[in-house]
Amino acid sequence: MKFEIKYKPSYSLLVASLAKGESITAEAGAMTYMSPDVEVKTKMRSKSILESIGLAIFGGQSFWVNDFTASGGPAELAFASAPVGDIQAIDVRPGKGFIIQKSAYVASTGGVDLDVKWEGFTKGIFGQGLFMIKVGGSGQLFINTFGAIDKHTMKAGESMTVDNFHLVAFSDSCDYKVTKFGGWKETILSGEGLVTQITGPGDVYIQTKNMREFVNWLWELLGPMVASKASRGGASFGATFGNSKAR
């Protein structure tokens, strides 16, 4: 399969060119356009409806994916994700897998296995609503980030501490430990929350923007406006209700 990532790094779009018979799997809702002669099949990464519902409860959304196959001849498809940011292609090989943030998954080729039964996903051990997927097999994996991608390659014994909301992916050859940021005072008041200590060898992918911080910043701008409108609406309702009672 040939692919191109266009409009990097802020508005990345993955464009895949498939020969007849080739397939690509993508997160539900990620497709932006495709050629006419493409067969689409929707499937679950789990084995049953009940398991999929369970994953939806744990992960905030069900893990439905779409398989796109060029059935009538060569085809072109494009994929993107909601966050404004970059898309990165990662080579997955036997013995060289990755652990990725669930929301970062965009697409993968057929030989890539996404283990949604791994405890990092089903138990949310990374905390703060973040769920991780273990990726293995062989093929191309495409991940999306909020902001640009900052890649670090660590040697054996090298380590770094990453804020969980900036952590996108790391090699499964790395050792890791989820912990609080400093003491409880620092964890609560520093704005960092939980962090992950990662020790090489392996690669670590970090996103330069933090969705939680972005939402908080946005709410600081919108919150007073919402409160003001709600207050005016309440006063108007009270006046209307009072007048109707008077009559």
C-alpha atoms as a PDB file:
ATOM      1  CA  MET A   1       0.000   0.000   0.000  1.00  0.00           C
ATOM      2  CA  LYS A   2       1.261   3.465  -0.880  1.00  0.00           C
ATOM      3  CA  PHE A   3       0.393   6.424   1.313  1.00  0.00           C
ATOM      4  CA  GLU A   4       0.991  10.152   1.668  1.00  0.00           C
ATOM      5  CA  ILE A   5       0.445  12.402   4.686  1.00  0.00           C
ATOM      6  CA  LYS A   6      -0.591  15.832   3.452  1.00  0.00           C
ATOM      7  CA  TYR A   7      -0.877  19.234   5.155  1.00  0.00           C
ATOM      8  CA  LYS A   8       1.532  18.430   8.020  1.00  0.00           C
ATOM      9  CA  PRO A   9       1.784  19.223  10.844  1.00  0.00           C
ATOM     10  CA  SER A  10      -1.387  21.127  11.782  1.00  0.00           C
ATOM     11  CA  TYR A  11      -4.125  19.722   9.539  1.00  0.00           C
ATOM     12  CA  SER A  12      -2.718  16.348   8.509  1.00  0.00           C
ATOM     13  CA  LEU A  13      -4.625  14.129   6.100  1.00  0.00           C
ATOM     14  CA  LEU A  14      -3.692  10.501   5.399  1.00  0.00           C
ATOM     15  CA  VAL A  15      -4.166   9.573   1.735  1.00  0.00           C
ATOM     16  CA  ALA A  16      -3.871   5.844   0.974  1.00  0.00           C
ATOM     17  CA  SER A  17      -3.542   4.399  -2.543  1.00  0.00           C
ATOM     18  CA  LEU A  18      -4.695   0.786  -2.734  1.00  0.00           C
ATOM     19  CA  ALA A  19      -4.074  -1.702  -5.498  1.00  0.00           C
ATOM     20  CA  LYS A  20      -6.932  -4.061  -6.341  1.00  0.00           C
ATOM     21  CA  GLY A  21      -7.483  -6.440  -3.422  1.00  0.00           C
ATOM     22  CA  GLU A  22      -5.532  -4.369  -0.889  1.00  0.00           C
ATOM     23  CA  SER A  23      -7.184  -3.271   2.356  1.00  0.00           C
ATOM     24  CA  ILE A  24      -6.775  -0.745   5.127  1.00  0.00           C
ATOM     25  CA  THR A  25      -8.520  -0.587   8.504  1.00  0.00           C
ATOM     26  CA  ALA A  26      -9.537   2.747  10.017  1.00  0.00           C
ATOM     27  CA  GLU A  27     -11.251   4.125  13.098  1.00  0.00           C
ATOM     28  CA  ALA A  28     -15.000   4.598  12.617  1.00  0.00           C
ATOM     29  CA  GLY A  29     -15.655   8.118  11.332  1.00  0.00           C
ATOM     30  CA  ALA A  30     -12.085   8.756  10.143  1.00  0.00           C
ATOM     31  CA  MET A  31     -12.786   8.453   6.395  1.00  0.00           C
ATOM     32  CA  THR A  32     -13.041  11.787   4.515  1.00  0.00           C
ATOM     33  CA  TYR A  33     -13.389  10.495   0.934  1.00  0.00           C
ATOM     34  CA  MET A  34     -12.862   7.352  -1.143  1.00  0.00           C
ATOM     35  CA  SER A  35     -13.041   6.050  -4.688  1.00  0.00           C
ATOM     36  CA  PRO A  36     -16.322   4.426  -5.814  1.00  0.00           C
ATOM     37  CA  ASP A  37     -15.047   0.844  -6.117  1.00  0.00           C
ATOM     38  CA  VAL A  38     -14.261   0.324  -2.437  1.00  0.00           C
ATOM     39  CA  GLU A  39     -15.966  -2.342  -0.322  1.00  0.00           C
ATOM     40  CA  VAL A  40     -16.534  -1.323   3.295  1.00  0.00           C
ATOM     41  CA  LYS A  41     -17.136  -3.687   6.215  1.00  0.00           C
ATOM     42  CA  THR A  42     -17.673  -2.555   9.802  1.00  0.00           C
ATOM     43  CA  LYS A  43     -16.477  -4.807  12.599  1.00  0.00           C
ATOM     44  CA  MET A  44     -15.665  -4.847  16.294  1.00  0.00           C
ATOM     45  CA  ARG A  45     -12.229  -5.412  17.710  1.00  0.00           C
ATOM     46  CA  SER A  46     -13.912  -7.569  20.359  1.00  0.00           C
ATOM     47  CA  LYS A  47     -15.757 -10.828  19.766  1.00  0.00           C
ATOM     48  CA  SER A  48     -19.267  -9.977  20.878  1.00  0.00           C
ATOM     49  CA  ILE A  49     -21.765  -7.152  21.263  1.00  0.00           C
ATOM     50  CA  LEU A  50     -21.569  -7.389  25.062  1.00  0.00           C
ATOM     51  CA  GLU A  51     -17.782  -7.092  24.999  1.00  0.00           C
ATOM     52  CA  SER A  52     -18.032  -4.068  22.712  1.00  0.00           C
ATOM     53  CA  ILE A  53     -20.493  -2.436  25.112  1.00  0.00           C
ATOM     54  CA  GLY A  54     -18.053  -3.134  27.947  1.00  0.00           C
ATOM     55  CA  LEU A  55     -15.246  -1.464  26.024  1.00  0.00           C
ATOM     56  CA  ALA A  56     -17.497   1.515  25.374  1.00  0.00           C
ATOM     57  CA  ILE A  57     -18.050   1.890  29.126  1.00  0.00           C
ATOM     58  CA  PHE A  58     -14.339   1.593  29.888  1.00  0.00           C
ATOM     59  CA  GLY A  59     -12.997   3.686  27.030  1.00  0.00           C
ATOM     60  CA  GLY A  60     -15.690   6.278  26.484  1.00  0.00           C
ATOM     61  CA  GLN A  61     -16.514   5.008  23.004  1.00  0.00           C
ATOM     62  CA  SER A  62     -16.959   1.629  21.350  1.00  0.00           C
ATOM     63  CA  PHE A  63     -14.063   0.316  19.309  1.00  0.00           C
ATOM     64  CA  TRP A  64     -15.738  -0.121  15.964  1.00  0.00           C
ATOM     65  CA  VAL A  65     -13.483  -0.015  12.914  1.00  0.00           C
ATOM     66  CA  ASN A  66     -14.043  -0.125   9.171  1.00  0.00           C
ATOM     67  CA  ASP A  67     -12.196  -2.364   6.707  1.00  0.00           C
ATOM     68  CA  PHE A  68     -11.808  -0.726   3.289  1.00  0.00           C
ATOM     69  CA  THR A  69     -10.936  -3.020   0.364  1.00  0.00           C
ATOM     70  CA  ALA A  70     -10.243  -1.970  -3.232  1.00  0.00           C
ATOM     71  CA  SER A  71     -12.523  -4.511  -4.866  1.00  0.00           C
ATOM     72  CA  GLY A  72     -12.995  -3.111  -8.386  1.00  0.00           C
ATOM     73  CA  GLY A  73      -9.475  -1.867  -9.110  1.00  0.00           C
ATOM     74  CA  PRO A  74      -7.024   0.726  -7.776  1.00  0.00           C
ATOM     75  CA  ALA A  75      -8.585   3.092  -5.228  1.00  0.00           C
ATOM     76  CA  GLU A  76      -7.755   6.175  -3.194  1.00  0.00           C
ATOM     77  CA  LEU A  77      -9.006   6.924   0.297  1.00  0.00           C
ATOM     78  CA  ALA A  78      -8.303   9.689   2.804  1.00  0.00           C
ATOM     79  CA  PHE A  79      -8.537   9.700   6.588  1.00  0.00           C
ATOM     80  CA  ALA A  80      -8.368  12.334   9.308  1.00  0.00           C
ATOM     81  CA  SER A  81      -9.179  12.694  13.008  1.00  0.00           C
ATOM     82  CA  ALA A  82     -10.968  15.339  15.032  1.00  0.00           C
ATOM     83  CA  PRO A  83      -7.979  16.866  16.893  1.00  0.00           C
ATOM     84  CA  VAL A  84      -6.108  19.586  15.014  1.00  0.00           C
ATOM     85  CA  GLY A  85      -2.646  18.108  14.663  1.00  0.00           C
ATOM     86  CA  ASP A  86      -0.273  15.722  12.965  1.00  0.00           C
ATOM     87  CA  ILE A  87      -0.457  12.163  11.625  1.00  0.00           C
ATOM     88  CA  GLN A  88       2.544   9.848  11.937  1.00  0.00           C
ATOM     89  CA  ALA A  89       3.212   6.511  10.234  1.00  0.00           C
ATOM     90  CA  ILE A  90       4.857   3.909  12.472  1.00  0.00           C
ATOM     91  CA  ASP A  91       6.364   0.593  11.333  1.00  0.00           C
ATOM     92  CA  VAL A  92       5.148  -2.319  13.460  1.00  0.00           C
ATOM     93  CA  ARG A  93       7.106  -5.563  13.283  1.00  0.00           C
ATOM     94  CA  PRO A  94       7.272  -8.805  15.289  1.00  0.00           C
ATOM     95  CA  GLY A  95       9.138  -7.943  18.464  1.00  0.00           C
ATOM     96  CA  LYS A  96       8.691  -4.218  17.818  1.00  0.00           C
ATOM     97  CA  GLY A  97       5.211  -3.296  18.963  1.00  0.00           C
ATOM     98  CA  PHE A  98       3.837  -0.162  20.583  1.00  0.00           C
ATOM     99  CA  ILE A  99       1.504   1.027  23.298  1.00  0.00           C
ATOM    100  CA  ILE A 100      -0.657   3.888  22.011  1.00  0.00           C
ATOM    101  CA  GLN A 101      -3.310   6.167  23.394  1.00  0.00           C
ATOM    102  CA  LYS A 102      -6.682   4.860  22.192  1.00  0.00           C
ATOM    103  CA  SER A 103      -7.808   8.239  20.849  1.00  0.00           C
ATOM    104  CA  ALA A 104      -4.622   8.489  18.741  1.00  0.00           C
ATOM    105  CA  TYR A 105      -5.521   5.554  16.480  1.00  0.00           C
ATOM    106  CA  VAL A 106      -6.391   6.552  12.902  1.00  0.00           C
ATOM    107  CA  ALA A 107      -5.731   3.519  10.683  1.00  0.00           C
ATOM    108  CA  SER A 108      -3.564   0.446  10.132  1.00  0.00           C
ATOM    109  CA  THR A 109      -2.770  -2.126   7.494  1.00  0.00           C
ATOM    110  CA  GLY A 110      -4.128  -5.652   7.702  1.00  0.00           C
ATOM    111  CA  GLY A 111      -1.261  -7.310   9.570  1.00  0.00           C
ATOM    112  CA  VAL A 112      -1.436  -4.957  12.558  1.00  0.00           C
ATOM    113  CA  ASP A 113      -3.179  -6.299  15.672  1.00  0.00           C
ATOM    114  CA  LEU A 114      -4.871  -3.973  18.173  1.00  0.00           C
ATOM    115  CA  ASP A 115      -5.219  -5.653  21.564  1.00  0.00           C
ATOM    116  CA  VAL A 116      -8.222  -4.018  23.239  1.00  0.00           C
ATOM    117  CA  LYS A 117      -8.263  -6.737  25.910  1.00  0.00           C
ATOM    118  CA  TRP A 118      -4.932  -5.578  27.298  1.00  0.00           C
ATOM    119  CA  GLU A 119      -5.268  -4.271  30.861  1.00  0.00           C
ATOM    120  CA  GLY A 120      -4.046  -0.804  29.845  1.00  0.00           C
ATOM    121  CA  PHE A 121      -7.270  -0.451  27.895  1.00  0.00           C
ATOM    122  CA  THR A 122      -9.817  -2.314  29.973  1.00  0.00           C
ATOM    123  CA  LYS A 123      -8.624  -0.949  33.329  1.00  0.00           C
ATOM    124  CA  GLY A 124      -7.499   2.499  32.237  1.00  0.00           C
ATOM    125  CA  ILE A 125      -4.301   2.216  34.268  1.00  0.00           C
ATOM    126  CA  PHE A 126      -3.003   5.460  32.809  1.00  0.00           C
ATOM    127  CA  GLY A 127      -5.672   7.332  34.738  1.00  0.00           C
ATOM    128  CA  GLN A 128      -7.428  10.600  34.005  1.00  0.00           C
ATOM    129  CA  GLY A 129      -9.697   8.960  31.453  1.00  0.00           C
ATOM    130  CA  LEU A 130      -6.799   7.842  29.232  1.00  0.00           C
ATOM    131  CA  PHE A 131      -6.872   4.311  27.839  1.00  0.00           C
ATOM    132  CA  MET A 132      -3.982   2.676  26.032  1.00  0.00           C
ATOM    133  CA  ILE A 133      -3.959  -0.061  23.370  1.00  0.00           C
ATOM    134  CA  LYS A 134      -1.183  -2.595  22.827  1.00  0.00           C
ATOM    135  CA  VAL A 135      -0.270  -2.868  19.140  1.00  0.00           C
ATOM    136  CA  GLY A 136       1.551  -5.840  17.613  1.00  0.00           C
ATOM    137  CA  GLY A 137       1.815  -7.802  14.402  1.00  0.00           C
ATOM    138  CA  SER A 138       3.387  -6.483  11.228  1.00  0.00           C
ATOM    139  CA  GLY A 139       2.507  -3.512   9.044  1.00  0.00           C
ATOM    140  CA  GLN A 140       1.871   0.222   9.116  1.00  0.00           C
ATOM    141  CA  LEU A 141       0.187   2.010  12.026  1.00  0.00           C
ATOM    142  CA  PHE A 142      -1.063   5.591  11.672  1.00  0.00           C
ATOM    143  CA  ILE A 143      -1.528   7.742  14.765  1.00  0.00           C
ATOM    144  CA  ASN A 144      -2.968  11.230  15.186  1.00  0.00           C
ATOM    145  CA  THR A 145      -1.891  13.815  17.758  1.00  0.00           C
ATOM    146  CA  PHE A 146      -3.260  17.075  19.135  1.00  0.00           C
ATOM    147  CA  GLY A 147      -0.564  19.492  17.972  1.00  0.00           C
ATOM    148  CA  ALA A 148       2.775  18.387  16.548  1.00  0.00           C
ATOM    149  CA  ILE A 149       4.565  15.102  17.251  1.00  0.00           C
ATOM    150  CA  ASP A 150       7.724  15.181  19.367  1.00  0.00           C
ATOM    151  CA  LYS A 151       9.616  11.888  18.997  1.00  0.00           C
ATOM    152  CA  HIS A 152      12.316  10.737  21.435  1.00  0.00           C
ATOM    153  CA  THR A 153      14.531   7.674  20.911  1.00  0.00           C
ATOM    154  CA  MET A 154      15.909   6.398  24.207  1.00  0.00           C
ATOM    155  CA  LYS A 155      18.796   4.026  24.788  1.00  0.00           C
ATOM    156  CA  ALA A 156      18.680   1.250  27.359  1.00  0.00           C
ATOM    157  CA  GLY A 157      18.530   2.754  30.831  1.00  0.00           C
ATOM    158  CA  GLU A 158      17.557   6.249  29.655  1.00  0.00           C
ATOM    159  CA  SER A 159      14.309   7.520  31.109  1.00  0.00           C
ATOM    160  CA  MET A 160      11.886  10.427  30.954  1.00  0.00           C
ATOM    161  CA  THR A 161       8.711  11.529  32.715  1.00  0.00           C
ATOM    162  CA  VAL A 162       5.742  12.438  30.498  1.00  0.00           C
ATOM    163  CA  ASP A 163       2.460  14.108  31.392  1.00  0.00           C
ATOM    164  CA  ASN A 164      -0.278  11.583  30.604  1.00  0.00           C
ATOM    165  CA  PHE A 165      -2.248  14.032  28.466  1.00  0.00           C
ATOM    166  CA  HIS A 166       0.841  14.602  26.299  1.00  0.00           C
ATOM    167  CA  LEU A 167       1.724  10.904  25.998  1.00  0.00           C
ATOM    168  CA  VAL A 168       0.706   9.422  22.629  1.00  0.00           C
ATOM    169  CA  ALA A 169       2.717   6.218  22.156  1.00  0.00           C
ATOM    170  CA  PHE A 170       5.852   4.344  23.166  1.00  0.00           C
ATOM    171  CA  SER A 171       7.639   1.129  22.200  1.00  0.00           C
ATOM    172  CA  ASP A 172       6.517  -1.966  24.074  1.00  0.00           C
ATOM    173  CA  SER A 173      10.211  -2.646  24.751  1.00  0.00           C
ATOM    174  CA  CYS A 174      10.143   0.229  27.256  1.00  0.00           C
ATOM    175  CA  ASP A 175       9.502  -0.178  30.959  1.00  0.00           C
ATOM    176  CA  TYR A 176       6.925   2.228  32.363  1.00  0.00           C
ATOM    177  CA  LYS A 177       5.290   3.214  35.624  1.00  0.00           C
ATOM    178  CA  VAL A 178       2.290   5.485  36.139  1.00  0.00           C
ATOM    179  CA  THR A 179       2.712   7.680  39.184  1.00  0.00           C
ATOM    180  CA  LYS A 180       1.615  10.962  40.704  1.00  0.00           C
ATOM    181  CA  PHE A 181       3.551  14.149  39.966  1.00  0.00           C
ATOM    182  CA  GLY A 182       5.749  14.670  43.034  1.00  0.00           C
ATOM    183  CA  GLY A 183       3.821  14.525  46.314  1.00  0.00           C
ATOM    184  CA  TRP A 184       0.058  14.857  46.698  1.00  0.00           C
ATOM    185  CA  LYS A 185       0.408  18.647  46.943  1.00  0.00           C
ATOM    186  CA  GLU A 186       2.203  18.783  43.597  1.00  0.00           C
ATOM    187  CA  THR A 187      -0.216  16.288  42.030  1.00  0.00           C
ATOM    188  CA  ILE A 188      -3.253  18.359  43.038  1.00  0.00           C
ATOM    189  CA  LEU A 189      -1.932  21.907  42.676  1.00  0.00           C
ATOM    190  CA  SER A 190       0.720  21.740  39.940  1.00  0.00           C
ATOM    191  CA  GLY A 191      -1.729  21.063  37.113  1.00  0.00           C
ATOM    192  CA  GLU A 192       0.229  17.969  36.057  1.00  0.00           C
ATOM    193  CA  GLY A 193      -1.838  15.220  37.709  1.00  0.00           C
ATOM    194  CA  LEU A 194      -0.603  11.717  36.878  1.00  0.00           C
ATOM    195  CA  VAL A 195       2.545  11.159  34.844  1.00  0.00           C
ATOM    196  CA  THR A 196       4.250   8.149  33.282  1.00  0.00           C
ATOM    197  CA  GLN A 197       7.898   7.339  33.879  1.00  0.00           C
ATOM    198  CA  ILE A 198       9.261   5.592  30.776  1.00  0.00           C
ATOM    199  CA  THR A 199      12.643   3.847  30.572  1.00  0.00           C
ATOM    200  CA  GLY A 200      14.282   2.749  27.304  1.00  0.00           C
ATOM    201  CA  PRO A 201      15.223   1.239  25.037  1.00  0.00           C
ATOM    202  CA  GLY A 202      12.577   2.418  22.596  1.00  0.00           C
ATOM    203  CA  ASP A 203      10.760   5.345  21.026  1.00  0.00           C
ATOM    204  CA  VAL A 204       8.402   7.747  22.778  1.00  0.00           C
ATOM    205  CA  TYR A 205       5.895   9.903  20.891  1.00  0.00           C
ATOM    206  CA  ILE A 206       4.631  13.044  22.642  1.00  0.00           C
ATOM    207  CA  GLN A 207       2.003  15.531  21.477  1.00  0.00           C
ATOM    208  CA  THR A 208       2.856  19.205  21.929  1.00  0.00           C
ATOM    209  CA  LYS A 209      -0.677  20.209  22.897  1.00  0.00           C
ATOM    210  CA  ASN A 210      -2.818  19.058  25.826  1.00  0.00           C
ATOM    211  CA  MET A 211      -6.532  18.530  25.204  1.00  0.00           C
ATOM    212  CA  ARG A 212      -7.426  19.004  28.871  1.00  0.00           C
ATOM    213  CA  GLU A 213      -5.575  22.328  29.051  1.00  0.00           C
ATOM    214  CA  PHE A 214      -7.174  23.438  25.786  1.00  0.00           C
ATOM    215  CA  VAL A 215     -10.672  22.669  27.078  1.00  0.00           C
ATOM    216  CA  ASN A 216      -9.960  24.497  30.339  1.00  0.00           C
ATOM    217  CA  TRP A 217      -8.628  27.523  28.432  1.00  0.00           C
ATOM    218  CA  LEU A 218     -11.661  27.512  26.156  1.00  0.00           C
ATOM    219  CA  TRP A 219     -13.999  27.329  29.136  1.00  0.00           C
ATOM    220  CA  GLU A 220     -12.289  30.342  30.723  1.00  0.00           C
ATOM    221  CA  LEU A 221     -13.354  32.315  27.646  1.00  0.00           C
ATOM    222  CA  LEU A 222     -16.799  30.800  27.190  1.00  0.00           C
ATOM    223  CA  GLY A 223     -17.800  30.214  30.824  1.00  0.00           C
ATOM    224  CA  PRO A 224     -18.587  33.867  31.708  1.00  0.00           C
ATOM    225  CA  MET A 225     -20.568  34.241  28.481  1.00  0.00           C
ATOM    226  CA  VAL A 226     -22.603  31.102  29.205  1.00  0.00           C
ATOM    227  CA  ALA A 227     -23.218  32.191  32.800  1.00  0.00           C
ATOM    228  CA  SER A 228     -24.248  35.670  31.656  1.00  0.00           C
ATOM    229  CA  LYS A 229     -26.714  34.337  29.093  1.00  0.00           C
ATOM    230  CA  ALA A 230     -28.087  31.838  31.586  1.00  0.00           C
ATOM    231  CA  SER A 231     -28.575  34.632  34.125  1.00  0.00           C
ATOM    232  CA  ARG A 232     -30.393  36.826  31.622  1.00  0.00           C
ATOM    233  CA  GLY A 233     -32.509  33.888  30.539  1.00  0.00           C
ATOM    234  CA  GLY A 234     -33.431  33.109  34.149  1.00  0.00           C
ATOM    235  CA  ALA A 235     -34.386  36.722  34.849  1.00  0.00           C
ATOM    236  CA  SER A 236     -36.510  36.834  31.727  1.00  0.00           C
ATOM    237  CA  PHE A 237     -38.203  33.578  32.684  1.00  0.00           C
ATOM    238  CA  GLY A 238     -38.845  34.894  36.205  1.00  0.00           C
ATOM    239  CA  ALA A 239     -40.377  38.116  34.906  1.00  0.00           C
ATOM    240  CA  THR A 240     -42.573  36.253  32.463  1.00  0.00           C
ATOM    241  CA  PHE A 241     -43.663  33.721  35.079  1.00  0.00           C
ATOM    242  CA  GLY A 242     -44.374  36.498  37.632  1.00  0.00           C
ATOM    243  CA  ASN A 243     -46.473  38.475  35.157  1.00  0.00           C
ATOM    244  CA  SER A 244     -48.527  35.437  34.263  1.00  0.00           C
ATOM    245  CA  LYS A 245     -49.240  34.775  37.943  1.00  0.00           C
ATOM    246  CA  ALA A 246     -50.231  38.414  38.471  1.00  0.00           C
ATOM    247  CA  ARG A 247     -52.744  38.159  35.703  1.00  0.00           C
END
